[in-house]
Amino acid sequence: MIRDRGNIKWTAIMLPEHVAAVKQEVINLEKVKQPILDEDRLTEIEMLIHEAMEYNLQLEFKLFKKGYIESIIGHTHFIDYIKNEFRIKDKDNLIHKIPFQKIVDVQKV
């Protein structure tokens, strides 16, 4: 007589700690490193921002935050060279303070 456990033998037992570790690993795989911009790209971004301020154009700012790239669309309200940050006014008239170091890319909308 064969005493096989069948499917019971092959079912996985996952402890809550294991499930949490797997979820955290999936989250970590989605993260990216902050891109380093060269001088030419920084100059292009600076020119684009100044042009947008002069003609009141909307820009899309791509920012690096905690391993992810986020996007804010709005007008450049003010450039603070002392604090090294931009102040962006979005469509809801909220003002976002963005440090220069967090900017990854800027594009016209």
PDB file of N, CA and C in Angstrom:
ATOM      1  N   MET A   1       0.829  -1.179   0.000  1.00  0.00           N
ATOM      2  CA  MET A   1       0.000   0.000   0.000  1.00  0.00           C
ATOM      3  C   MET A   1       0.884   1.258   0.000  1.00  0.00           C
ATOM      4  N   ILE A   2       0.597   2.211  -0.922  1.00  0.00           N
ATOM      5  CA  ILE A   2       1.378   3.435  -1.063  1.00  0.00           C
ATOM      6  C   ILE A   2       0.794   4.499  -0.139  1.00  0.00           C
ATOM      7  N   ARG A   3       1.633   5.071   0.675  1.00  0.00           N
ATOM      8  CA  ARG A   3       1.195   6.123   1.596  1.00  0.00           C
ATOM      9  C   ARG A   3       1.764   7.472   1.118  1.00  0.00           C
ATOM     10  N   ASP A   4       1.217   7.995   0.050  1.00  0.00           N
ATOM     11  CA  ASP A   4       1.673   9.260  -0.524  1.00  0.00           C
ATOM     12  C   ASP A   4       0.854  10.405   0.061  1.00  0.00           C
ATOM     13  N   ARG A   5       1.519  11.506   0.358  1.00  0.00           N
ATOM     14  CA  ARG A   5       0.808  12.662   0.909  1.00  0.00           C
ATOM     15  C   ARG A   5       0.170  13.522  -0.187  1.00  0.00           C
ATOM     16  N   GLY A   6       0.472  13.289  -1.421  1.00  0.00           N
ATOM     17  CA  GLY A   6      -0.152  14.009  -2.535  1.00  0.00           C
ATOM     18  C   GLY A   6       0.206  15.490  -2.528  1.00  0.00           C
ATOM     19  N   ASN A   7      -0.813  16.321  -2.688  1.00  0.00           N
ATOM     20  CA  ASN A   7      -0.603  17.763  -2.769  1.00  0.00           C
ATOM     21  C   ASN A   7      -0.153  18.367  -1.446  1.00  0.00           C
ATOM     22  N   ILE A   8      -0.469  17.732  -0.346  1.00  0.00           N
ATOM     23  CA  ILE A   8      -0.088  18.271   0.954  1.00  0.00           C
ATOM     24  C   ILE A   8       1.433  18.401   1.041  1.00  0.00           C
ATOM     25  N   LYS A   9       2.136  17.489   0.431  1.00  0.00           N
ATOM     26  CA  LYS A   9       3.588  17.507   0.459  1.00  0.00           C
ATOM     27  C   LYS A   9       4.140  18.758  -0.220  1.00  0.00           C
ATOM     28  N   TRP A  10       3.486  19.254  -1.242  1.00  0.00           N
ATOM     29  CA  TRP A  10       4.025  20.342  -2.049  1.00  0.00           C
ATOM     30  C   TRP A  10       3.436  21.711  -1.747  1.00  0.00           C
ATOM     31  N   THR A  11       2.581  21.847  -0.773  1.00  0.00           N
ATOM     32  CA  THR A  11       2.054  23.176  -0.446  1.00  0.00           C
ATOM     33  C   THR A  11       3.095  23.953   0.336  1.00  0.00           C
ATOM     34  N   ALA A  12       3.176  25.222   0.050  1.00  0.00           N
ATOM     35  CA  ALA A  12       4.179  26.075   0.695  1.00  0.00           C
ATOM     36  C   ALA A  12       3.621  26.666   1.976  1.00  0.00           C
ATOM     37  N   ILE A  13       4.460  26.763   2.942  1.00  0.00           N
ATOM     38  CA  ILE A  13       4.078  27.407   4.190  1.00  0.00           C
ATOM     39  C   ILE A  13       4.850  28.719   4.262  1.00  0.00           C
ATOM     40  N   MET A  14       4.129  29.833   4.269  1.00  0.00           N
ATOM     41  CA  MET A  14       4.758  31.147   4.306  1.00  0.00           C
ATOM     42  C   MET A  14       4.419  31.818   5.636  1.00  0.00           C
ATOM     43  N   LEU A  15       5.424  32.127   6.386  1.00  0.00           N
ATOM     44  CA  LEU A  15       5.241  32.860   7.626  1.00  0.00           C
ATOM     45  C   LEU A  15       4.988  34.324   7.294  1.00  0.00           C
ATOM     46  N   PRO A  16       4.294  35.044   8.167  1.00  0.00           N
ATOM     47  CA  PRO A  16       4.045  36.469   7.897  1.00  0.00           C
ATOM     48  C   PRO A  16       5.339  37.264   7.672  1.00  0.00           C
ATOM     49  N   GLU A  17       6.405  36.887   8.360  1.00  0.00           N
ATOM     50  CA  GLU A  17       7.676  37.570   8.155  1.00  0.00           C
ATOM     51  C   GLU A  17       8.208  37.338   6.742  1.00  0.00           C
ATOM     52  N   HIS A  18       7.999  36.126   6.237  1.00  0.00           N
ATOM     53  CA  HIS A  18       8.436  35.817   4.874  1.00  0.00           C
ATOM     54  C   HIS A  18       7.637  36.619   3.855  1.00  0.00           C
ATOM     55  N   VAL A  19       6.327  36.702   4.056  1.00  0.00           N
ATOM     56  CA  VAL A  19       5.469  37.463   3.143  1.00  0.00           C
ATOM     57  C   VAL A  19       5.893  38.930   3.133  1.00  0.00           C
ATOM     58  N   ALA A  20       6.150  39.495   4.312  1.00  0.00           N
ATOM     59  CA  ALA A  20       6.574  40.895   4.401  1.00  0.00           C
ATOM     60  C   ALA A  20       7.923  41.101   3.713  1.00  0.00           C
ATOM     61  N   ALA A  21       8.834  40.144   3.877  1.00  0.00           N
ATOM     62  CA  ALA A  21      10.144  40.263   3.242  1.00  0.00           C
ATOM     63  C   ALA A  21      10.034  40.196   1.725  1.00  0.00           C
ATOM     64  N   VAL A  22       9.172  39.331   1.218  1.00  0.00           N
ATOM     65  CA  VAL A  22       8.977  39.220  -0.239  1.00  0.00           C
ATOM     66  C   VAL A  22       8.370  40.506  -0.786  1.00  0.00           C
ATOM     67  N   LYS A  23       7.373  41.065  -0.090  1.00  0.00           N
ATOM     68  CA  LYS A  23       6.764  42.326  -0.537  1.00  0.00           C
ATOM     69  C   LYS A  23       7.786  43.451  -0.537  1.00  0.00           C
ATOM     70  N   GLN A  24       8.617  43.519   0.498  1.00  0.00           N
ATOM     71  CA  GLN A  24       9.640  44.558   0.572  1.00  0.00           C
ATOM     72  C   GLN A  24      10.653  44.398  -0.550  1.00  0.00           C
ATOM     73  N   GLU A  25      10.988  43.177  -0.888  1.00  0.00           N
ATOM     74  CA  GLU A  25      11.942  42.935  -1.979  1.00  0.00           C
ATOM     75  C   GLU A  25      11.361  43.378  -3.325  1.00  0.00           C
ATOM     76  N   VAL A  26      10.070  43.158  -3.546  1.00  0.00           N
ATOM     77  CA  VAL A  26       9.413  43.608  -4.776  1.00  0.00           C
ATOM     78  C   VAL A  26       9.425  45.133  -4.847  1.00  0.00           C
ATOM     79  N   ILE A  27       9.184  45.786  -3.718  1.00  0.00           N
ATOM     80  CA  ILE A  27       9.223  47.248  -3.675  1.00  0.00           C
ATOM     81  C   ILE A  27      10.635  47.742  -3.982  1.00  0.00           C
ATOM     82  N   ASN A  28      11.640  47.098  -3.422  1.00  0.00           N
ATOM     83  CA  ASN A  28      13.030  47.508  -3.659  1.00  0.00           C
ATOM     84  C   ASN A  28      13.447  47.309  -5.106  1.00  0.00           C
ATOM     85  N   LEU A  29      12.885  46.325  -5.798  1.00  0.00           N
ATOM     86  CA  LEU A  29      13.218  46.104  -7.202  1.00  0.00           C
ATOM     87  C   LEU A  29      12.712  47.232  -8.093  1.00  0.00           C
ATOM     88  N   GLU A  30      11.625  47.895  -7.687  1.00  0.00           N
ATOM     89  CA  GLU A  30      11.054  48.982  -8.479  1.00  0.00           C
ATOM     90  C   GLU A  30      11.815  50.295  -8.308  1.00  0.00           C
ATOM     91  N   LYS A  31      12.623  50.408  -7.274  1.00  0.00           N
ATOM     92  CA  LYS A  31      13.356  51.648  -7.026  1.00  0.00           C
ATOM     93  C   LYS A  31      14.492  51.805  -8.034  1.00  0.00           C
ATOM     94  N   VAL A  32      14.808  53.075  -8.315  1.00  0.00           N
ATOM     95  CA  VAL A  32      15.898  53.393  -9.230  1.00  0.00           C
ATOM     96  C   VAL A  32      16.900  54.295  -8.513  1.00  0.00           C
ATOM     97  N   LYS A  33      18.110  54.357  -9.046  1.00  0.00           N
ATOM     98  CA  LYS A  33      19.113  55.267  -8.508  1.00  0.00           C
ATOM     99  C   LYS A  33      18.922  56.635  -9.147  1.00  0.00           C
ATOM    100  N   GLN A  34      19.313  57.669  -8.419  1.00  0.00           N
ATOM    101  CA  GLN A  34      19.168  59.022  -8.933  1.00  0.00           C
ATOM    102  C   GLN A  34      20.122  59.244 -10.101  1.00  0.00           C
ATOM    103  N   PRO A  35      19.575  59.655 -11.259  1.00  0.00           N
ATOM    104  CA  PRO A  35      20.436  59.924 -12.408  1.00  0.00           C
ATOM    105  C   PRO A  35      21.315  61.153 -12.159  1.00  0.00           C
ATOM    106  N   ILE A  36      22.502  61.128 -12.696  1.00  0.00           N
ATOM    107  CA  ILE A  36      23.418  62.263 -12.581  1.00  0.00           C
ATOM    108  C   ILE A  36      23.367  63.018 -13.903  1.00  0.00           C
ATOM    109  N   LEU A  37      23.043  64.310 -13.832  1.00  0.00           N
ATOM    110  CA  LEU A  37      22.928  65.130 -15.038  1.00  0.00           C
ATOM    111  C   LEU A  37      24.276  65.763 -15.364  1.00  0.00           C
ATOM    112  N   ASP A  38      24.604  65.796 -16.660  1.00  0.00           N
ATOM    113  CA  ASP A  38      25.846  66.434 -17.068  1.00  0.00           C
ATOM    114  C   ASP A  38      25.627  67.942 -17.235  1.00  0.00           C
ATOM    115  N   GLU A  39      26.710  68.665 -17.457  1.00  0.00           N
ATOM    116  CA  GLU A  39      26.652  70.131 -17.537  1.00  0.00           C
ATOM    117  C   GLU A  39      25.771  70.618 -18.686  1.00  0.00           C
ATOM    118  N   ASP A  40      25.821  69.935 -19.829  1.00  0.00           N
ATOM    119  CA  ASP A  40      25.014  70.359 -20.975  1.00  0.00           C
ATOM    120  C   ASP A  40      23.530  70.253 -20.666  1.00  0.00           C
ATOM    121  N   ARG A  41      23.137  69.142 -20.061  1.00  0.00           N
ATOM    122  CA  ARG A  41      21.712  68.956 -19.735  1.00  0.00           C
ATOM    123  C   ARG A  41      21.265  69.960 -18.674  1.00  0.00           C
ATOM    124  N   LEU A  42      22.121  70.251 -17.705  1.00  0.00           N
ATOM    125  CA  LEU A  42      21.784  71.249 -16.691  1.00  0.00           C
ATOM    126  C   LEU A  42      21.599  72.633 -17.310  1.00  0.00           C
ATOM    127  N   THR A  43      22.426  72.962 -18.285  1.00  0.00           N
ATOM    128  CA  THR A  43      22.298  74.241 -18.975  1.00  0.00           C
ATOM    129  C   THR A  43      20.990  74.301 -19.757  1.00  0.00           C
ATOM    130  N   GLU A  44      20.629  73.213 -20.438  1.00  0.00           N
ATOM    131  CA  GLU A  44      19.366  73.164 -21.185  1.00  0.00           C
ATOM    132  C   GLU A  44      18.171  73.340 -20.242  1.00  0.00           C
ATOM    133  N   ILE A  45      18.223  72.669 -19.117  1.00  0.00           N
ATOM    134  CA  ILE A  45      17.122  72.770 -18.140  1.00  0.00           C
ATOM    135  C   ILE A  45      17.015  74.195 -17.620  1.00  0.00           C
ATOM    136  N   GLU A  46      18.138  74.805 -17.317  1.00  0.00           N
ATOM    137  CA  GLU A  46      18.141  76.176 -16.809  1.00  0.00           C
ATOM    138  C   GLU A  46      17.553  77.144 -17.832  1.00  0.00           C
ATOM    139  N   MET A  47      17.950  76.998 -19.094  1.00  0.00           N
ATOM    140  CA  MET A  47      17.423  77.871 -20.154  1.00  0.00           C
ATOM    141  C   MET A  47      15.918  77.679 -20.322  1.00  0.00           C
ATOM    142  N   LEU A  48      15.480  76.424 -20.266  1.00  0.00           N
ATOM    143  CA  LEU A  48      14.056  76.115 -20.406  1.00  0.00           C
ATOM    144  C   LEU A  48      13.248  76.722 -19.269  1.00  0.00           C
ATOM    145  N   ILE A  49      13.762  76.637 -18.062  1.00  0.00           N
ATOM    146  CA  ILE A  49      13.044  77.196 -16.907  1.00  0.00           C
ATOM    147  C   ILE A  49      12.968  78.712 -17.007  1.00  0.00           C
ATOM    148  N   HIS A  50      14.058  79.357 -17.393  1.00  0.00           N
ATOM    149  CA  HIS A  50      14.034  80.821 -17.529  1.00  0.00           C
ATOM    150  C   HIS A  50      13.095  81.260 -18.650  1.00  0.00           C
ATOM    151  N   GLU A  51      13.081  80.522 -19.748  1.00  0.00           N
ATOM    152  CA  GLU A  51      12.157  80.834 -20.845  1.00  0.00           C
ATOM    153  C   GLU A  51      10.707  80.670 -20.388  1.00  0.00           C
ATOM    154  N   ALA A  52      10.433  79.610 -19.647  1.00  0.00           N
ATOM    155  CA  ALA A  52       9.079  79.364 -19.166  1.00  0.00           C
ATOM    156  C   ALA A  52       8.635  80.435 -18.185  1.00  0.00           C
ATOM    157  N   MET A  53       9.559  80.929 -17.358  1.00  0.00           N
ATOM    158  CA  MET A  53       9.208  82.013 -16.429  1.00  0.00           C
ATOM    159  C   MET A  53       8.890  83.291 -17.192  1.00  0.00           C
ATOM    160  N   GLU A  54       9.656  83.559 -18.254  1.00  0.00           N
ATOM    161  CA  GLU A  54       9.461  84.788 -19.017  1.00  0.00           C
ATOM    162  C   GLU A  54       8.123  84.788 -19.754  1.00  0.00           C
ATOM    163  N   TYR A  55       7.756  83.639 -20.336  1.00  0.00           N
ATOM    164  CA  TYR A  55       6.534  83.565 -21.143  1.00  0.00           C
ATOM    165  C   TYR A  55       5.379  82.876 -20.413  1.00  0.00           C
ATOM    166  N   ASN A  56       5.553  82.583 -19.125  1.00  0.00           N
ATOM    167  CA  ASN A  56       4.512  81.962 -18.293  1.00  0.00           C
ATOM    168  C   ASN A  56       4.029  80.633 -18.891  1.00  0.00           C
ATOM    169  N   LEU A  57       4.974  79.769 -19.229  1.00  0.00           N
ATOM    170  CA  LEU A  57       4.660  78.466 -19.802  1.00  0.00           C
ATOM    171  C   LEU A  57       4.609  77.398 -18.708  1.00  0.00           C
ATOM    172  N   GLN A  58       3.811  76.368 -18.958  1.00  0.00           N
ATOM    173  CA  GLN A  58       3.752  75.234 -18.031  1.00  0.00           C
ATOM    174  C   GLN A  58       4.882  74.268 -18.341  1.00  0.00           C
ATOM    175  N   LEU A  59       5.465  73.715 -17.279  1.00  0.00           N
ATOM    176  CA  LEU A  59       6.527  72.737 -17.421  1.00  0.00           C
ATOM    177  C   LEU A  59       6.184  71.483 -16.629  1.00  0.00           C
ATOM    178  N   GLU A  60       6.762  70.374 -17.053  1.00  0.00           N
ATOM    179  CA  GLU A  60       6.646  69.131 -16.301  1.00  0.00           C
ATOM    180  C   GLU A  60       8.007  68.860 -15.662  1.00  0.00           C
ATOM    181  N   PHE A  61       8.025  68.875 -14.342  1.00  0.00           N
ATOM    182  CA  PHE A  61       9.246  68.625 -13.588  1.00  0.00           C
ATOM    183  C   PHE A  61       9.245  67.174 -13.143  1.00  0.00           C
ATOM    184  N   LYS A  62      10.290  66.447 -13.478  1.00  0.00           N
ATOM    185  CA  LYS A  62      10.443  65.070 -13.004  1.00  0.00           C
ATOM    186  C   LYS A  62      11.454  65.096 -11.863  1.00  0.00           C
ATOM    187  N   LEU A  63      11.011  64.579 -10.713  1.00  0.00           N
ATOM    188  CA  LEU A  63      11.795  64.663  -9.491  1.00  0.00           C
ATOM    189  C   LEU A  63      12.141  63.290  -8.961  1.00  0.00           C
ATOM    190  N   PHE A  64      13.277  63.201  -8.304  1.00  0.00           N
ATOM    191  CA  PHE A  64      13.698  61.965  -7.669  1.00  0.00           C
ATOM    192  C   PHE A  64      13.347  62.062  -6.192  1.00  0.00           C
ATOM    193  N   LYS A  65      12.476  61.135  -5.730  1.00  0.00           N
ATOM    194  CA  LYS A  65      12.087  61.102  -4.310  1.00  0.00           C
ATOM    195  C   LYS A  65      12.118  59.673  -3.802  1.00  0.00           C
ATOM    196  N   LYS A  66      13.042  59.398  -2.906  1.00  0.00           N
ATOM    197  CA  LYS A  66      13.140  58.116  -2.210  1.00  0.00           C
ATOM    198  C   LYS A  66      13.149  56.916  -3.154  1.00  0.00           C
ATOM    199  N   GLY A  67      13.876  57.012  -4.234  1.00  0.00           N
ATOM    200  CA  GLY A  67      14.022  55.891  -5.151  1.00  0.00           C
ATOM    201  C   GLY A  67      13.024  55.856  -6.286  1.00  0.00           C
ATOM    202  N   TYR A  68      12.132  56.816  -6.362  1.00  0.00           N
ATOM    203  CA  TYR A  68      11.116  56.850  -7.418  1.00  0.00           C
ATOM    204  C   TYR A  68      11.172  58.185  -8.148  1.00  0.00           C
ATOM    205  N   ILE A  69      10.717  58.185  -9.388  1.00  0.00           N
ATOM    206  CA  ILE A  69      10.631  59.406 -10.188  1.00  0.00           C
ATOM    207  C   ILE A  69       9.185  59.879 -10.156  1.00  0.00           C
ATOM    208  N   GLU A  70       8.976  61.091  -9.626  1.00  0.00           N
ATOM    209  CA  GLU A  70       7.636  61.689  -9.568  1.00  0.00           C
ATOM    210  C   GLU A  70       7.577  62.860 -10.541  1.00  0.00           C
ATOM    211  N   SER A  71       6.365  63.258 -10.859  1.00  0.00           N
ATOM    212  CA  SER A  71       6.168  64.317 -11.834  1.00  0.00           C
ATOM    213  C   SER A  71       5.252  65.399 -11.263  1.00  0.00           C
ATOM    214  N   ILE A  72       5.630  66.655 -11.480  1.00  0.00           N
ATOM    215  CA  ILE A  72       4.794  67.803 -11.097  1.00  0.00           C
ATOM    216  C   ILE A  72       4.670  68.693 -12.319  1.00  0.00           C
ATOM    217  N   ILE A  73       3.444  69.075 -12.641  1.00  0.00           N
ATOM    218  CA  ILE A  73       3.197  69.969 -13.770  1.00  0.00           C
ATOM    219  C   ILE A  73       2.741  71.305 -13.215  1.00  0.00           C
ATOM    220  N   GLY A  74       3.401  72.379 -13.661  1.00  0.00           N
ATOM    221  CA  GLY A  74       3.016  73.695 -13.182  1.00  0.00           C
ATOM    222  C   GLY A  74       3.916  74.786 -13.731  1.00  0.00           C
ATOM    223  N   HIS A  75       3.705  75.987 -13.214  1.00  0.00           N
ATOM    224  CA  HIS A  75       4.471  77.168 -13.606  1.00  0.00           C
ATOM    225  C   HIS A  75       5.576  77.407 -12.585  1.00  0.00           C
ATOM    226  N   THR A  76       6.715  77.862 -13.062  1.00  0.00           N
ATOM    227  CA  THR A  76       7.792  78.235 -12.156  1.00  0.00           C
ATOM    228  C   THR A  76       7.429  79.571 -11.534  1.00  0.00           C
ATOM    229  N   HIS A  77       7.205  79.563 -10.240  1.00  0.00           N
ATOM    230  CA  HIS A  77       6.757  80.753  -9.526  1.00  0.00           C
ATOM    231  C   HIS A  77       7.947  81.607  -9.085  1.00  0.00           C
ATOM    232  N   PHE A  78       9.001  80.944  -8.609  1.00  0.00           N
ATOM    233  CA  PHE A  78      10.145  81.677  -8.073  1.00  0.00           C
ATOM    234  C   PHE A  78      11.354  80.743  -8.029  1.00  0.00           C
ATOM    235  N   ILE A  79      12.534  81.292  -8.260  1.00  0.00           N
ATOM    236  CA  ILE A  79      13.776  80.541  -8.105  1.00  0.00           C
ATOM    237  C   ILE A  79      14.543  81.171  -6.955  1.00  0.00           C
ATOM    238  N   ASP A  80      14.777  80.382  -5.924  1.00  0.00           N
ATOM    239  CA  ASP A  80      15.478  80.860  -4.742  1.00  0.00           C
ATOM    240  C   ASP A  80      16.909  80.324  -4.784  1.00  0.00           C
ATOM    241  N   TYR A  81      17.859  81.188  -5.157  1.00  0.00           N
ATOM    242  CA  TYR A  81      19.250  80.764  -5.279  1.00  0.00           C
ATOM    243  C   TYR A  81      19.932  80.652  -3.922  1.00  0.00           C
ATOM    244  N   ILE A  82      19.393  81.285  -2.908  1.00  0.00           N
ATOM    245  CA  ILE A  82      19.979  81.198  -1.576  1.00  0.00           C
ATOM    246  C   ILE A  82      19.694  79.829  -0.956  1.00  0.00           C
ATOM    247  N   LYS A  83      18.444  79.367  -1.066  1.00  0.00           N
ATOM    248  CA  LYS A  83      18.063  78.059  -0.523  1.00  0.00           C
ATOM    249  C   LYS A  83      18.227  76.930  -1.537  1.00  0.00           C
ATOM    250  N   ASN A  84      18.619  77.277  -2.767  1.00  0.00           N
ATOM    251  CA  ASN A  84      18.779  76.293  -3.855  1.00  0.00           C
ATOM    252  C   ASN A  84      17.508  75.495  -4.096  1.00  0.00           C
ATOM    253  N   GLU A  85      16.407  76.204  -4.349  1.00  0.00           N
ATOM    254  CA  GLU A  85      15.144  75.521  -4.607  1.00  0.00           C
ATOM    255  C   GLU A  85      14.284  76.328  -5.574  1.00  0.00           C
ATOM    256  N   PHE A  86      13.393  75.587  -6.258  1.00  0.00           N
ATOM    257  CA  PHE A  86      12.374  76.190  -7.108  1.00  0.00           C
ATOM    258  C   PHE A  86      11.074  76.229  -6.340  1.00  0.00           C
ATOM    259  N   ARG A  87      10.228  77.165  -6.690  1.00  0.00           N
ATOM    260  CA  ARG A  87       8.860  77.162  -6.180  1.00  0.00           C
ATOM    261  C   ARG A  87       7.955  77.031  -7.396  1.00  0.00           C
ATOM    262  N   ILE A  88       7.236  75.928  -7.437  1.00  0.00           N
ATOM    263  CA  ILE A  88       6.385  75.586  -8.574  1.00  0.00           C
ATOM    264  C   ILE A  88       4.930  75.724  -8.154  1.00  0.00           C
ATOM    265  N   LYS A  89       4.154  76.446  -8.947  1.00  0.00           N
ATOM    266  CA  LYS A  89       2.719  76.601  -8.691  1.00  0.00           C
ATOM    267  C   LYS A  89       1.974  75.680  -9.632  1.00  0.00           C
ATOM    268  N   ASP A  90       1.249  74.690  -9.085  1.00  0.00           N
ATOM    269  CA  ASP A  90       0.532  73.728  -9.932  1.00  0.00           C
ATOM    270  C   ASP A  90      -0.860  74.247 -10.278  1.00  0.00           C
ATOM    271  N   LYS A  91      -1.650  73.409 -10.957  1.00  0.00           N
ATOM    272  CA  LYS A  91      -2.974  73.835 -11.440  1.00  0.00           C
ATOM    273  C   LYS A  91      -3.949  74.128 -10.305  1.00  0.00           C
ATOM    274  N   ASP A  92      -3.700  73.585  -9.111  1.00  0.00           N
ATOM    275  CA  ASP A  92      -4.563  73.842  -7.950  1.00  0.00           C
ATOM    276  C   ASP A  92      -4.064  75.019  -7.126  1.00  0.00           C
ATOM    277  N   ASN A  93      -3.112  75.778  -7.668  1.00  0.00           N
ATOM    278  CA  ASN A  93      -2.490  76.922  -7.013  1.00  0.00           C
ATOM    279  C   ASN A  93      -1.757  76.555  -5.728  1.00  0.00           C
ATOM    280  N   LEU A  94      -1.305  75.321  -5.627  1.00  0.00           N
ATOM    281  CA  LEU A  94      -0.445  74.909  -4.519  1.00  0.00           C
ATOM    282  C   LEU A  94       0.996  75.176  -4.916  1.00  0.00           C
ATOM    283  N   ILE A  95       1.791  75.630  -3.974  1.00  0.00           N
ATOM    284  CA  ILE A  95       3.185  75.917  -4.265  1.00  0.00           C
ATOM    285  C   ILE A  95       4.046  74.809  -3.679  1.00  0.00           C
ATOM    286  N   HIS A  96       4.857  74.194  -4.554  1.00  0.00           N
ATOM    287  CA  HIS A  96       5.758  73.112  -4.163  1.00  0.00           C
ATOM    288  C   HIS A  96       7.179  73.666  -4.135  1.00  0.00           C
ATOM    289  N   LYS A  97       7.897  73.406  -3.059  1.00  0.00           N
ATOM    290  CA  LYS A  97       9.299  73.804  -2.965  1.00  0.00           C
ATOM    291  C   LYS A  97      10.154  72.604  -3.352  1.00  0.00           C
ATOM    292  N   ILE A  98      10.914  72.765  -4.425  1.00  0.00           N
ATOM    293  CA  ILE A  98      11.694  71.655  -4.971  1.00  0.00           C
ATOM    294  C   ILE A  98      13.178  72.011  -4.930  1.00  0.00           C
ATOM    295  N   PRO A  99      13.985  71.234  -4.221  1.00  0.00           N
ATOM    296  CA  PRO A  99      15.438  71.488  -4.235  1.00  0.00           C
ATOM    297  C   PRO A  99      16.031  71.213  -5.616  1.00  0.00           C
ATOM    298  N   PHE A 100      17.051  71.980  -5.960  1.00  0.00           N
ATOM    299  CA  PHE A 100      17.716  71.809  -7.257  1.00  0.00           C
ATOM    300  C   PHE A 100      18.204  70.379  -7.454  1.00  0.00           C
ATOM    301  N   GLN A 101      18.700  69.747  -6.392  1.00  0.00           N
ATOM    302  CA  GLN A 101      19.310  68.425  -6.498  1.00  0.00           C
ATOM    303  C   GLN A 101      18.300  67.335  -6.830  1.00  0.00           C
ATOM    304  N   LYS A 102      17.015  67.558  -6.590  1.00  0.00           N
ATOM    305  CA  LYS A 102      15.991  66.533  -6.816  1.00  0.00           C
ATOM    306  C   LYS A 102      15.500  66.494  -8.258  1.00  0.00           C
ATOM    307  N   ILE A 103      15.839  67.490  -9.072  1.00  0.00           N
ATOM    308  CA  ILE A 103      15.323  67.553 -10.440  1.00  0.00           C
ATOM    309  C   ILE A 103      16.096  66.585 -11.328  1.00  0.00           C
ATOM    310  N   VAL A 104      15.325  65.760 -12.032  1.00  0.00           N
ATOM    311  CA  VAL A 104      15.889  64.785 -12.961  1.00  0.00           C
ATOM    312  C   VAL A 104      15.727  65.266 -14.401  1.00  0.00           C
ATOM    313  N   ASP A 105      14.563  65.849 -14.714  1.00  0.00           N
ATOM    314  CA  ASP A 105      14.286  66.298 -16.077  1.00  0.00           C
ATOM    315  C   ASP A 105      13.207  67.362 -16.037  1.00  0.00           C
ATOM    316  N   VAL A 106      13.220  68.246 -17.033  1.00  0.00           N
ATOM    317  CA  VAL A 106      12.197  69.276 -17.192  1.00  0.00           C
ATOM    318  C   VAL A 106      11.811  69.307 -18.660  1.00  0.00           C
ATOM    319  N   GLN A 107      10.485  69.329 -18.916  1.00  0.00           N
ATOM    320  CA  GLN A 107       9.989  69.350 -20.295  1.00  0.00           C
ATOM    321  C   GLN A 107       8.820  70.317 -20.397  1.00  0.00           C
ATOM    322  N   LYS A 108       8.618  70.857 -21.611  1.00  0.00           N
ATOM    323  CA  LYS A 108       7.440  71.687 -21.862  1.00  0.00           C
ATOM    324  C   LYS A 108       6.213  70.792 -21.945  1.00  0.00           C
ATOM    325  N   VAL A 109       5.094  71.333 -21.498  1.00  0.00           N
ATOM    326  CA  VAL A 109       3.839  70.576 -21.563  1.00  0.00           C
ATOM    327  C   VAL A 109       3.067  71.007 -22.781  1.00  0.00           C
TER     328      VAL A 109
END
